[in-house]
Each structure stands twice: as C-alpha cells, then as structure tokens.
Amino acid sequence: MKFSLIALSLLFASVNSQASEVCLKKSRSHQVALLELYTSEGCSSCPPADKFLHSVSQNSGLHPDRVIPLALHVDYWDYIGWKDPFAQHLFTERQQKLSAYARSRTVYTPEFFINGKELRNWATGLNSELERIKQQPALATIQLRQTGMSADKISIEIDSNSNQAGELYVALLENSLSSKVSAGENQGATLRHDAVARVWIDPSAVAASTPKKTNITVNIPANANRQHLSLVAFIQNQQGDILQAVELAVCL
C-alpha cells in the first residue's frame, strides 16, 4: 500500500508538472512579428483581409513562433447601419496612434501593421517581411504563464525584461467567430474571424533593462468559447515599435 501511494503521488506530480509546462510560453530568442489587422464588419473590402489573417493563424509554419496575428475591430464604420459586435473605440484610438508614429493622419480598413509599422503589400509581401524580422535578435524577453482559471476569469503571471523602455500589453483573443450581417455594406454575408481581440488590458510601464513581474486577472466575455481563447503579451517601445510578442493558448 505504501508503495502504491508513493507511486500515485509521483504520478500526480508528473501530471502537474506537465500541465504547468503546457500553461506557460517563453518568447523566442529572435523577434516574433505582431501582425495587427484593423478591420470592421461594416467594411465591404475587409473580408479578404480577414481571410488572409485566418490563413496566417492556421499556418503552423508561421504561427506562433514567427508571427502572432491580431484582429482589432474598429468602430468608425458602425454609423452606416451595422454595429460590429467586436468593435471597440480603443482599437480605433490605437490605429490612430500607430499612424501618428508614422507621421500619417490617415486611417483606413483593412489596414495591417507589422511590429508597429504599416504593411501595405500584405497579400504578397508578408513572407519576406517575416523572414527579415526573424533575423533580428529579440529586444525583450517575455514569459507568460496561466496560473488559474474560474468560470469568468483567467489569472496570469508575466515575467518580462526589455532592452528599451516601453509598455507591456496583454490581450485575450478568440478564434472561430462568425456574424450574420443584416445591414450595411456586407448585408446578407456571414463573416468569419480569427484572432479577434475580445479583451484589451491597459498597458503597464516597462523600464529599460529592469526585470518586471506582472500579475493580471483577465475577465472572460460571457459569450466567449473557452476552447477558442488565447492570451497574447507584447512589449512596445516609446516609438511604437514592437520589441517582442508571445501567445499562449488558454488552458482549460
């Protein structure tokens, strides 16, 4: 009996250790690209870009160790008759801020940014840009760990260190979303989305060359499908450049 109890305790320890490793993601030694798509269900030219982002998210050779896709739905198309259920005004503000870093006053959809810089030729130029970014050493390290989960919350712990001062961002993403659009430019269409930002955590300051431990509680949207959720953390410097990014599928 004593031997069986010891063996059982060792088995549980092994299972817990494996679960802990599954619920943790460390950033790579090279830069990983953060590919941000600014989109809207009220925009007739956006579905092709949404499909392109889906192809990136499903490409195991690219995602998540070379590129992390992120769809940010803006609200400035809502006035034409269809309110995008995934749109948030703060995503409109982020798009405007990224454009301002590039000294541009123009925002539009669909618009891609890669590591904080606009990517106009996304349909044909993504692979070469990803290869260029992969050759760059990481300018920050991020370790993202899920430490707990309840019916409506996820607890995470982030250990980070950056060569440059900036901010640490965290977002909760959801895949396999769809909407049947009944008004606006896409009336009658069923639109499908991946890597949609459902929750956006206010960024926290990161000092240069100073290790930082951050504990965050992320609220799960009531209509979210837990099986399709993931967490993203990234560090952005004071010039708008993304220094490093990491993604962790939510552990159920």
Protein backbone atom coordinates (compact mmCIF):
# COMPACT_ATOMS: atom_id res chain seq x y z
CA MET A 1 0.00 0.00 0.00
CA LYS A 2 2.83 2.43 0.87
CA PHE A 3 4.48 1.79 -2.50
CA SER A 4 1.19 2.42 -4.33
CA LEU A 5 0.66 5.73 -2.53
CA ILE A 6 4.19 6.85 -3.36
CA ALA A 7 3.76 5.85 -6.98
CA LEU A 8 0.43 7.66 -7.14
CA SER A 9 1.90 10.84 -5.66
CA LEU A 10 4.77 10.72 -8.18
CA LEU A 11 2.24 10.32 -11.00
CA PHE A 12 0.25 13.35 -9.83
CA ALA A 13 3.46 15.36 -9.53
CA SER A 14 4.40 14.40 -13.08
CA VAL A 15 0.95 15.34 -14.42
CA ASN A 16 1.00 18.67 -12.59
CA SER A 17 4.48 19.42 -13.93
CA GLN A 18 3.39 18.65 -17.49
CA ALA A 19 0.26 20.80 -17.09
CA SER A 20 2.39 23.65 -15.77
CA GLU A 21 4.65 23.49 -18.82
CA VAL A 22 1.65 23.44 -21.17
CA CYS A 23 0.27 26.57 -19.47
CA LEU A 24 3.49 28.52 -19.99
CA LYS A 25 5.07 30.13 -23.04
CA LYS A 26 8.51 31.70 -23.27
CA SER A 27 9.40 34.12 -26.03
CA ARG A 28 11.89 33.15 -28.70
CA SER A 29 15.50 34.33 -28.99
CA HIS A 30 14.61 36.02 -32.30
CA GLN A 31 11.98 38.69 -32.84
CA VAL A 32 8.46 37.41 -33.40
CA ALA A 33 6.26 39.62 -35.56
CA LEU A 34 2.99 41.01 -34.26
CA LEU A 35 0.65 41.32 -37.23
CA GLU A 36 -2.20 43.71 -36.42
CA LEU A 37 -5.23 43.91 -38.71
CA TYR A 38 -7.58 46.87 -38.32
CA THR A 39 -10.90 45.72 -39.71
CA SER A 40 -14.67 46.11 -39.44
CA GLU A 41 -17.74 44.07 -40.30
CA GLY A 42 -19.18 47.27 -41.77
CA CYS A 43 -16.44 47.49 -44.40
CA SER A 44 -17.01 45.70 -47.73
CA SER A 45 -13.28 45.49 -48.52
CA CYS A 46 -12.39 43.85 -45.18
CA PRO A 47 -13.48 40.19 -45.66
CA PRO A 48 -10.46 39.35 -47.92
CA ALA A 49 -8.11 40.70 -45.24
CA ASP A 50 -9.97 38.71 -42.57
CA LYS A 51 -9.48 35.57 -44.68
CA PHE A 52 -5.80 36.38 -45.10
CA LEU A 53 -5.38 36.72 -41.34
CA HIS A 54 -7.15 33.36 -40.95
CA SER A 55 -4.64 31.74 -43.33
CA VAL A 56 -1.78 33.14 -41.25
CA SER A 57 -3.30 31.89 -37.99
CA GLN A 58 -3.75 28.40 -39.45
CA ASN A 59 -0.21 28.18 -40.88
CA SER A 60 1.72 26.11 -38.34
CA GLY A 61 4.97 27.01 -40.08
CA LEU A 62 4.45 30.68 -39.26
CA HIS A 63 2.23 30.97 -36.20
CA PRO A 64 3.04 31.47 -33.35
CA ASP A 65 6.85 31.27 -33.43
CA ARG A 66 7.32 33.66 -36.35
CA VAL A 67 4.15 35.75 -36.34
CA ILE A 68 1.24 36.37 -33.99
CA PRO A 69 -1.92 37.61 -35.79
CA LEU A 70 -4.23 40.03 -34.03
CA ALA A 71 -7.55 41.40 -35.35
CA LEU A 72 -8.64 44.72 -33.89
CA HIS A 73 -12.16 45.71 -34.92
CA VAL A 74 -12.65 49.49 -35.13
CA ASP A 75 -15.90 51.35 -34.55
CA TYR A 76 -15.82 54.12 -37.18
CA TRP A 77 -17.87 52.07 -39.66
CA ASP A 78 -20.71 51.43 -37.21
CA TYR A 79 -22.62 54.53 -38.30
CA ILE A 80 -23.56 53.17 -41.75
CA GLY A 81 -26.10 50.69 -40.41
CA TRP A 82 -24.29 47.68 -38.95
CA LYS A 83 -22.71 47.79 -35.49
CA ASP A 84 -19.71 45.46 -35.39
CA PRO A 85 -20.17 43.30 -32.26
CA PHE A 86 -16.39 43.01 -31.80
CA ALA A 87 -15.55 46.68 -32.30
CA GLN A 88 -14.07 48.82 -29.54
CA HIS A 89 -13.27 52.51 -29.72
CA LEU A 90 -9.91 51.96 -28.08
CA PHE A 91 -8.87 49.96 -31.16
CA THR A 92 -9.71 52.99 -33.30
CA GLU A 93 -7.53 55.05 -30.96
CA ARG A 94 -4.68 52.54 -31.22
CA GLN A 95 -4.82 52.60 -35.03
CA GLN A 96 -4.70 56.40 -34.96
CA LYS A 97 -1.74 56.31 -32.61
CA LEU A 98 0.23 53.87 -34.78
CA SER A 99 -0.46 56.08 -37.79
CA ALA A 100 0.72 59.12 -35.85
CA TYR A 101 4.04 57.38 -35.12
CA ALA A 102 4.47 57.17 -38.90
CA ARG A 103 3.51 60.86 -39.22
CA SER A 104 0.32 59.94 -41.07
CA ARG A 105 -3.14 61.34 -40.39
CA THR A 106 -4.90 58.69 -42.46
CA VAL A 107 -6.51 55.53 -41.09
CA TYR A 108 -8.49 53.07 -43.15
CA THR A 109 -9.72 49.48 -43.23
CA PRO A 110 -8.40 46.98 -43.86
CA GLU A 111 -5.02 48.17 -42.64
CA PHE A 112 -2.18 45.93 -41.49
CA PHE A 113 0.70 46.83 -39.19
CA ILE A 114 3.64 44.54 -38.52
CA ASN A 115 5.71 45.24 -35.42
CA GLY A 116 4.20 48.71 -35.30
CA LYS A 117 4.88 49.63 -38.95
CA GLU A 118 2.28 49.78 -41.72
CA LEU A 119 2.34 46.82 -44.13
CA ARG A 120 0.69 47.90 -47.37
CA ASN A 121 1.63 44.93 -49.57
CA TRP A 122 0.33 42.35 -47.09
CA ALA A 123 -1.03 39.97 -49.72
CA THR A 124 2.37 39.43 -51.36
CA GLY A 125 4.96 40.92 -49.02
CA LEU A 126 4.31 39.24 -45.67
CA ASN A 127 6.71 36.31 -46.03
CA SER A 128 9.72 38.44 -46.92
CA GLU A 129 8.94 40.79 -44.03
CA LEU A 130 8.65 37.86 -41.62
CA GLU A 131 11.99 36.50 -42.79
CA ARG A 132 13.61 39.89 -42.23
CA ILE A 133 12.16 40.17 -38.72
CA LYS A 134 13.17 36.62 -37.82
CA GLN A 135 16.81 37.52 -38.48
CA GLN A 136 16.69 40.17 -35.75
CA PRO A 137 17.62 39.20 -32.18
CA ALA A 138 14.89 39.70 -29.61
CA LEU A 139 15.00 43.05 -27.83
CA ALA A 140 12.85 41.82 -24.96
CA THR A 141 12.00 38.58 -23.19
CA ILE A 142 8.52 37.57 -22.08
CA GLN A 143 7.40 34.54 -20.10
CA LEU A 144 3.61 34.19 -19.99
CA ARG A 145 2.09 31.75 -17.53
CA GLN A 146 -1.56 30.96 -16.81
CA THR A 147 -1.80 30.50 -13.05
CA GLY A 148 -5.53 29.96 -12.59
CA MET A 149 -8.98 29.97 -14.14
CA SER A 150 -12.52 30.32 -12.84
CA ALA A 151 -15.90 30.47 -14.54
CA ASP A 152 -15.32 34.04 -15.72
CA LYS A 153 -11.68 34.95 -15.07
CA ILE A 154 -8.16 33.91 -16.04
CA SER A 155 -5.17 34.62 -13.81
CA ILE A 156 -1.81 35.12 -15.50
CA GLU A 157 1.73 35.94 -14.46
CA ILE A 158 4.20 37.64 -16.79
CA ASP A 159 7.96 37.87 -16.32
CA SER A 160 9.48 40.37 -18.73
CA ASN A 161 12.68 42.24 -19.40
CA SER A 162 13.31 44.75 -22.18
CA ASN A 163 16.39 46.41 -23.62
CA GLN A 164 14.33 49.56 -24.10
CA ALA A 165 11.75 51.46 -22.08
CA GLY A 166 8.18 50.94 -23.21
CA GLU A 167 4.90 49.33 -22.26
CA LEU A 168 3.67 45.78 -21.70
CA TYR A 169 0.35 44.95 -23.39
CA VAL A 170 -1.92 41.96 -22.81
CA ALA A 171 -4.93 40.87 -24.86
CA LEU A 172 -7.38 37.98 -24.82
CA LEU A 173 -8.06 36.65 -28.33
CA GLU A 174 -10.82 34.44 -29.67
CA ASN A 175 -10.83 32.33 -32.83
CA SER A 176 -13.62 30.83 -34.94
CA LEU A 177 -16.05 33.71 -34.54
CA SER A 178 -18.80 34.47 -37.03
CA SER A 179 -21.56 37.00 -37.64
CA LYS A 180 -24.52 37.03 -39.99
CA VAL A 181 -24.59 40.64 -41.13
CA SER A 182 -28.06 42.07 -41.72
CA ALA A 183 -27.25 45.66 -42.69
CA GLY A 184 -24.51 47.89 -44.08
CA GLU A 185 -22.02 47.16 -46.85
CA ASN A 186 -21.82 43.43 -46.04
CA GLN A 187 -25.57 42.90 -45.70
CA GLY A 188 -26.54 39.24 -46.18
CA ALA A 189 -23.00 37.92 -45.69
CA THR A 190 -21.81 35.57 -42.97
CA LEU A 191 -18.39 36.80 -41.86
CA ARG A 192 -15.83 34.65 -40.07
CA HIS A 193 -12.97 35.91 -37.93
CA ASP A 194 -9.90 34.62 -36.12
CA ALA A 195 -7.51 36.15 -33.57
CA VAL A 196 -10.11 38.75 -32.57
CA ALA A 197 -9.13 40.89 -29.59
CA ARG A 198 -12.00 40.44 -27.11
CA VAL A 199 -10.29 41.92 -24.05
CA TRP A 200 -7.56 44.57 -24.03
CA ILE A 201 -5.70 45.25 -20.79
CA ASP A 202 -4.42 48.75 -20.08
CA PRO A 203 -0.64 48.69 -20.67
CA SER A 204 1.87 48.93 -17.84
CA ALA A 205 5.21 50.72 -17.98
CA VAL A 206 8.41 48.78 -18.64
CA ALA A 207 11.78 50.26 -17.65
CA ALA A 208 14.87 49.52 -19.70
CA SER A 209 16.95 46.53 -18.55
CA THR A 210 14.81 46.03 -15.45
CA PRO A 211 13.13 42.65 -14.83
CA LYS A 212 9.39 43.02 -14.23
CA LYS A 213 6.84 40.60 -12.79
CA THR A 214 3.20 41.35 -13.57
CA ASN A 215 0.11 39.58 -12.28
CA ILE A 216 -3.13 40.18 -14.16
CA THR A 217 -6.71 38.95 -13.93
CA VAL A 218 -8.43 38.82 -17.33
CA ASN A 219 -12.23 38.82 -17.48
CA ILE A 220 -13.70 36.28 -19.91
CA PRO A 221 -16.55 37.69 -22.04
CA ALA A 222 -19.85 35.98 -21.23
CA ASN A 223 -20.38 34.82 -24.83
CA ALA A 224 -16.81 33.60 -25.41
CA ASN A 225 -15.99 30.00 -26.29
CA ARG A 226 -13.20 28.99 -23.91
CA GLN A 227 -11.86 26.37 -26.30
CA HIS A 228 -11.02 29.10 -28.81
CA LEU A 229 -9.25 31.55 -26.49
CA SER A 230 -5.60 32.54 -26.31
CA LEU A 231 -3.56 35.15 -24.48
CA VAL A 232 -1.08 37.50 -26.12
CA ALA A 233 1.54 39.65 -24.42
CA PHE A 234 3.83 42.08 -26.20
CA ILE A 235 6.19 44.95 -25.41
CA GLN A 236 6.09 48.16 -27.43
CA ASN A 237 8.76 50.86 -27.12
CA GLN A 238 8.16 54.60 -26.91
CA GLN A 239 8.47 54.99 -30.70
CA GLY A 240 5.71 52.44 -31.38
CA ASP A 241 7.98 49.52 -32.35
CA ILE A 242 7.05 46.04 -31.11
CA LEU A 243 10.09 44.55 -29.40
CA GLN A 244 8.73 41.06 -28.74
CA ALA A 245 5.45 39.15 -28.59
CA VAL A 246 4.28 35.79 -27.28
CA GLU A 247 1.00 33.85 -27.44
CA LEU A 248 -0.36 31.15 -25.11
CA ALA A 249 -3.47 29.07 -25.76
CA VAL A 250 -5.75 29.21 -22.72
CA CYS A 251 -5.51 26.06 -20.61
CA LEU A 252 -8.93 24.58 -19.80
